[in-house]
Amino acid sequence: MSVLPEERKNEILKELNKMGKVKVMELVDQFNVSEETIRRDLMILEEKGLLKRVYGGAIKTVFEFEEPPFTQRTTVNQEAKVKVAKKAAELISNGDVIAIDVGTTMLEFAQCIENKKDITILTNSLPVSFVLTEMLNQNKFTGQILLLGGQIEPKHQSISGGITEQMLNQFNIDKAFISAGGVSIQSGVSNYHLHETLVSRKMVEVSKQVILLTDYSKIGVDTFCKVCPLDKVDVIVCEQPFPEEWRNHSKLEEVNWIQA
């Protein structure tokens, strides 16, 4: 299996996410590279806080009630996030009022919003608002940006709280673009942070259409806080095909799966 270094590291993280641990020699066989190469990959991923090296391999870093900081997540599964973001941006129509929640996938998504006219964008993500402001100044799209008020969470560069939720109640939103820490049949869409989850939940509640952006590493994963069941989601955009194990589930009958 010949893959680029970044693709290999992303595959290692996917395996780690599924199994909870990886072994050096198994990865050597899987990717047909040297033991030194795999150990270097694991060292780089550990430096980013994405795993913990142990004798003979690595184990998943445990974030009991939270995920790694925003800056640590920007390069994880980046290629998949870009594919998802580009495809999701095609779902925006001229004149739309849209909400964008927080996360690194949303940052990629914001950078793909081009050639749209008279759109209104609401967000509780500081990085997303910065990117959109620059793009609006460059005439990449026309419209307006509303940064939702509330309490700033510096570690995750987000805004949340009762004020944020109250503001969302004031608008008629066409499409909510949301992210996830995990997506499963049992728990639906879930996330790590309670206050950010409450804002995402409110976006789902007040929007006419809910569009979930996720890479495949989140599929089958449950995290701390439930955002909404899958039957509340209208569209899922993912870089991989629809999971075989999800077929024939009633909760997904009305969900449109779009492969990026």
Protein backbone atom coordinates (compact mmCIF):
# COMPACT_ATOMS: atom_id res chain seq x y z
CA MET A 1 0.00 0.00 0.00
CA SER A 2 1.79 3.11 -1.26
CA VAL A 3 0.45 6.40 0.11
CA LEU A 4 1.76 9.87 0.79
CA PRO A 5 3.07 10.62 4.32
CA GLU A 6 0.10 12.80 5.29
CA GLU A 7 -2.36 10.22 3.94
CA ARG A 8 -0.56 7.53 5.92
CA LYS A 9 -0.81 9.52 9.14
CA ASN A 10 -4.52 10.11 8.52
CA GLU A 11 -5.02 6.38 7.97
CA ILE A 12 -3.17 5.66 11.22
CA LEU A 13 -5.53 8.03 13.06
CA LYS A 14 -8.57 6.36 11.49
CA GLU A 15 -7.34 2.95 12.61
CA LEU A 16 -6.62 4.34 16.06
CA ASN A 17 -10.09 5.84 16.26
CA LYS A 18 -11.68 2.49 15.42
CA MET A 19 -9.50 0.16 17.48
CA GLY A 20 -8.24 2.38 20.28
CA LYS A 21 -4.64 1.30 19.64
CA VAL A 22 -2.20 0.56 16.79
CA LYS A 23 0.91 -1.64 16.62
CA VAL A 24 4.09 -0.58 14.86
CA MET A 25 4.75 -3.89 13.12
CA GLU A 26 1.17 -4.17 11.85
CA LEU A 27 1.44 -0.65 10.39
CA VAL A 28 4.78 -1.57 8.79
CA ASP A 29 3.09 -4.46 7.00
CA GLN A 30 -0.01 -2.46 6.13
CA PHE A 31 1.84 0.46 4.52
CA ASN A 32 4.93 -1.43 3.34
CA VAL A 33 7.32 1.08 4.93
CA SER A 34 10.13 0.79 7.45
CA GLU A 35 9.70 0.53 11.19
CA GLU A 36 11.60 3.82 11.51
CA THR A 37 9.08 5.56 9.24
CA ILE A 38 6.11 4.40 11.32
CA ARG A 39 7.80 5.39 14.58
CA ARG A 40 8.49 8.84 13.12
CA ASP A 41 4.82 9.15 12.10
CA LEU A 42 3.71 8.23 15.61
CA MET A 43 6.15 10.71 17.13
CA ILE A 44 4.79 13.54 14.94
CA LEU A 45 1.20 12.64 15.82
CA GLU A 46 2.06 12.50 19.52
CA GLU A 47 3.65 15.95 19.34
CA LYS A 48 0.33 17.23 17.99
CA GLY A 49 -1.48 15.64 20.93
CA LEU A 50 -3.36 13.17 18.73
CA LEU A 51 -2.12 9.93 20.30
CA LYS A 52 0.11 8.56 23.05
CA ARG A 53 3.05 6.33 22.15
CA VAL A 54 3.46 3.13 24.15
CA TYR A 55 5.77 0.13 23.85
CA GLY A 56 5.25 -1.42 20.41
CA GLY A 57 2.73 1.12 19.15
CA ALA A 58 0.35 3.85 20.27
CA ILE A 59 -2.98 4.30 22.02
CA LYS A 60 -5.75 6.82 21.62
CA THR A 61 -5.37 10.01 23.59
CA VAL A 62 -8.26 10.19 26.03
CA PHE A 63 -10.10 13.51 26.10
CA GLU A 64 -12.91 12.54 28.47
CA PHE A 65 -15.11 15.54 27.94
CA GLU A 66 -13.26 17.46 25.31
CA GLU A 67 -11.37 17.15 22.08
CA PRO A 68 -7.87 18.50 21.32
CA PRO A 69 -7.55 22.28 20.96
CA PHE A 70 -8.56 23.87 17.67
CA THR A 71 -4.98 24.47 16.52
CA GLN A 72 -4.09 20.79 17.02
CA ARG A 73 -6.99 19.65 14.85
CA THR A 74 -6.42 21.82 11.79
CA THR A 75 -4.17 19.28 10.01
CA VAL A 76 -6.04 16.10 10.99
CA ASN A 77 -7.78 14.48 7.98
CA GLN A 78 -7.28 17.77 6.16
CA GLU A 79 -7.57 16.31 2.66
CA ALA A 80 -10.94 14.76 3.52
CA LYS A 81 -12.15 18.00 5.12
CA VAL A 82 -11.28 19.99 2.00
CA LYS A 83 -13.22 17.56 -0.21
CA VAL A 84 -16.24 17.73 2.09
CA ALA A 85 -16.05 21.52 2.32
CA LYS A 86 -15.96 22.03 -1.45
CA LYS A 87 -18.93 19.75 -2.03
CA ALA A 88 -20.95 21.33 0.79
CA ALA A 89 -20.34 24.84 -0.59
CA GLU A 90 -22.21 23.80 -3.74
CA LEU A 91 -25.36 23.51 -1.61
CA ILE A 92 -25.48 27.26 -0.93
CA SER A 93 -27.88 29.19 -3.15
CA ASN A 94 -27.94 32.90 -3.90
CA GLY A 95 -29.97 34.76 -1.30
CA ASP A 96 -29.63 32.05 1.37
CA VAL A 97 -29.48 32.76 5.08
CA ILE A 98 -27.10 30.17 6.50
CA ALA A 99 -25.64 29.28 9.89
CA ILE A 100 -22.15 27.84 10.26
CA ASP A 101 -21.07 26.29 13.52
CA VAL A 102 -17.57 25.68 14.88
CA GLY A 103 -14.70 23.36 14.02
CA THR A 104 -11.85 22.87 11.57
CA THR A 105 -14.14 21.41 8.89
CA MET A 106 -16.20 24.59 9.09
CA LEU A 107 -13.05 26.65 8.58
CA GLU A 108 -12.32 24.76 5.35
CA PHE A 109 -15.97 25.17 4.35
CA ALA A 110 -15.83 28.94 4.85
CA GLN A 111 -12.85 29.19 2.49
CA CYS A 112 -14.89 27.48 -0.25
CA ILE A 113 -17.76 29.97 -0.28
CA GLU A 114 -17.29 31.80 -3.56
CA ASN A 115 -19.43 33.28 -6.34
CA LYS A 116 -22.56 33.49 -4.18
CA LYS A 117 -24.77 36.56 -4.19
CA ASP A 118 -26.68 38.26 -1.37
CA ILE A 119 -26.09 35.57 1.23
CA THR A 120 -26.31 36.14 4.97
CA ILE A 121 -24.00 34.07 7.15
CA LEU A 122 -24.38 33.64 10.90
CA THR A 123 -21.57 31.97 12.83
CA ASN A 124 -20.27 31.44 16.36
CA SER A 125 -16.77 30.57 15.13
CA LEU A 126 -14.09 33.25 15.41
CA PRO A 127 -11.79 31.70 12.73
CA VAL A 128 -14.73 31.28 10.35
CA SER A 129 -15.72 34.92 10.83
CA PHE A 130 -12.15 36.09 10.13
CA VAL A 131 -11.93 34.05 6.91
CA LEU A 132 -15.36 35.18 5.70
CA THR A 133 -14.58 38.83 6.42
CA GLU A 134 -11.44 38.64 4.30
CA MET A 135 -13.29 36.88 1.48
CA LEU A 136 -16.09 39.44 1.58
CA ASN A 137 -13.50 42.22 1.33
CA GLN A 138 -12.04 40.46 -1.72
CA ASN A 139 -15.50 40.24 -3.32
CA LYS A 140 -15.41 36.44 -3.35
CA PHE A 141 -19.13 36.62 -2.51
CA THR A 142 -21.67 39.32 -1.69
CA GLY A 143 -23.87 39.62 1.37
CA GLN A 144 -23.31 40.06 5.08
CA ILE A 145 -21.75 38.26 8.04
CA LEU A 146 -23.23 38.19 11.53
CA LEU A 147 -20.93 37.08 14.34
CA LEU A 148 -23.12 35.74 17.12
CA GLY A 149 -22.55 37.22 20.55
CA GLY A 150 -21.83 35.38 23.77
CA GLN A 151 -18.95 34.01 25.81
CA ILE A 152 -15.65 33.33 24.02
CA GLU A 153 -13.95 29.97 24.53
CA PRO A 154 -10.28 30.76 23.71
CA LYS A 155 -9.10 27.15 23.48
CA HIS A 156 -11.61 26.28 20.75
CA GLN A 157 -12.03 29.82 19.37
CA SER A 158 -15.80 29.65 19.62
CA ILE A 159 -18.67 31.68 21.06
CA SER A 160 -21.48 30.12 23.06
CA GLY A 161 -23.93 30.65 25.91
CA GLY A 162 -27.48 31.80 26.46
CA ILE A 163 -26.96 35.04 24.53
CA THR A 164 -25.81 33.09 21.47
CA GLU A 165 -28.86 30.85 21.57
CA GLN A 166 -31.21 33.79 22.06
CA MET A 167 -29.75 35.55 19.02
CA LEU A 168 -30.38 32.49 16.84
CA ASN A 169 -34.06 32.63 17.81
CA GLN A 170 -34.33 36.00 16.07
CA PHE A 171 -33.63 34.71 12.55
CA ASN A 172 -35.27 32.61 9.84
CA ILE A 173 -32.40 30.42 8.68
CA ASP A 174 -32.54 28.48 5.42
CA LYS A 175 -29.64 26.09 6.01
CA ALA A 176 -27.58 25.14 9.04
CA PHE A 177 -24.15 23.71 8.25
CA ILE A 178 -23.02 21.77 11.31
CA SER A 179 -20.02 19.65 12.25
CA ALA A 180 -19.66 16.72 14.63
CA GLY A 181 -17.29 14.96 16.98
CA GLY A 182 -19.14 11.73 16.24
CA VAL A 183 -22.01 10.36 14.14
CA SER A 184 -23.78 7.11 14.94
CA ILE A 185 -27.12 5.40 14.44
CA GLN A 186 -27.71 5.13 18.18
CA SER A 187 -26.73 8.62 19.35
CA GLY A 188 -27.04 10.61 16.14
CA VAL A 189 -24.84 13.69 15.86
CA SER A 190 -22.73 14.33 18.95
CA ASN A 191 -19.98 16.67 20.06
CA TYR A 192 -17.48 17.16 22.87
CA HIS A 193 -18.46 20.49 24.37
CA LEU A 194 -21.73 21.11 26.17
CA HIS A 195 -22.07 24.83 25.42
CA GLU A 196 -21.07 24.50 21.75
CA THR A 197 -23.47 21.57 21.46
CA LEU A 198 -26.33 23.70 22.78
CA VAL A 199 -25.64 26.29 20.09
CA SER A 200 -25.51 23.61 17.37
CA ARG A 201 -28.77 22.18 18.71
CA LYS A 202 -30.38 25.60 18.45
CA MET A 203 -29.12 25.99 14.87
CA VAL A 204 -30.80 22.67 14.03
CA GLU A 205 -34.01 23.78 15.71
CA VAL A 206 -34.38 27.12 13.91
CA SER A 207 -33.21 26.10 10.41
CA LYS A 208 -35.31 24.83 7.53
CA GLN A 209 -32.58 22.43 6.37
CA VAL A 210 -29.75 20.79 8.33
CA ILE A 211 -26.55 19.82 6.51
CA LEU A 212 -23.91 17.82 8.36
CA LEU A 213 -20.28 17.99 7.24
CA THR A 214 -18.17 15.07 8.45
CA ASP A 215 -15.15 13.03 7.46
CA TYR A 216 -15.34 9.26 7.73
CA SER A 217 -13.27 9.07 10.92
CA LYS A 218 -16.32 10.41 12.83
CA ILE A 219 -18.70 7.70 11.57
CA GLY A 220 -19.68 5.18 14.25
CA VAL A 221 -18.26 7.39 17.00
CA ASP A 222 -20.19 8.68 20.04
CA THR A 223 -18.94 11.71 21.95
CA PHE A 224 -20.04 13.44 25.14
CA CYS A 225 -23.04 15.58 24.13
CA LYS A 226 -25.91 14.78 21.77
CA VAL A 227 -26.70 17.44 19.18
CA CYS A 228 -29.61 15.76 17.38
CA PRO A 229 -30.82 12.37 16.11
CA LEU A 230 -30.03 11.51 12.50
CA ASP A 231 -33.65 11.90 11.43
CA LYS A 232 -33.26 15.64 12.10
CA VAL A 233 -30.48 15.83 9.51
CA ASP A 234 -31.44 16.42 5.88
CA VAL A 235 -28.05 16.03 4.19
CA ILE A 236 -24.76 14.39 5.19
CA VAL A 237 -21.67 15.34 3.17
CA CYS A 238 -18.76 12.92 3.59
CA GLU A 239 -15.70 11.96 1.55
CA GLN A 240 -16.57 8.25 1.71
CA PRO A 241 -19.60 6.27 0.42
CA PHE A 242 -22.63 5.51 2.57
CA PRO A 243 -21.67 2.94 5.25
CA GLU A 244 -22.91 -0.55 4.39
CA GLU A 245 -23.73 -1.25 8.03
CA TRP A 246 -26.15 1.68 8.03
CA ARG A 247 -28.36 0.39 5.24
CA ASN A 248 -32.01 -0.41 6.03
CA HIS A 249 -32.07 1.79 9.14
CA SER A 250 -35.34 3.71 9.42
CA LYS A 251 -33.63 6.79 10.90
CA LEU A 252 -31.80 7.33 7.60
CA GLU A 253 -34.70 6.96 5.17
CA GLU A 254 -34.99 10.71 4.60
CA VAL A 255 -31.27 11.55 4.83
CA ASN A 256 -29.51 12.48 1.60
CA TRP A 257 -25.91 11.17 1.70
CA ILE A 258 -23.58 13.11 -0.63
CA GLN A 259 -20.13 11.70 -1.29
CA ALA A 260 -17.51 14.42 -1.82
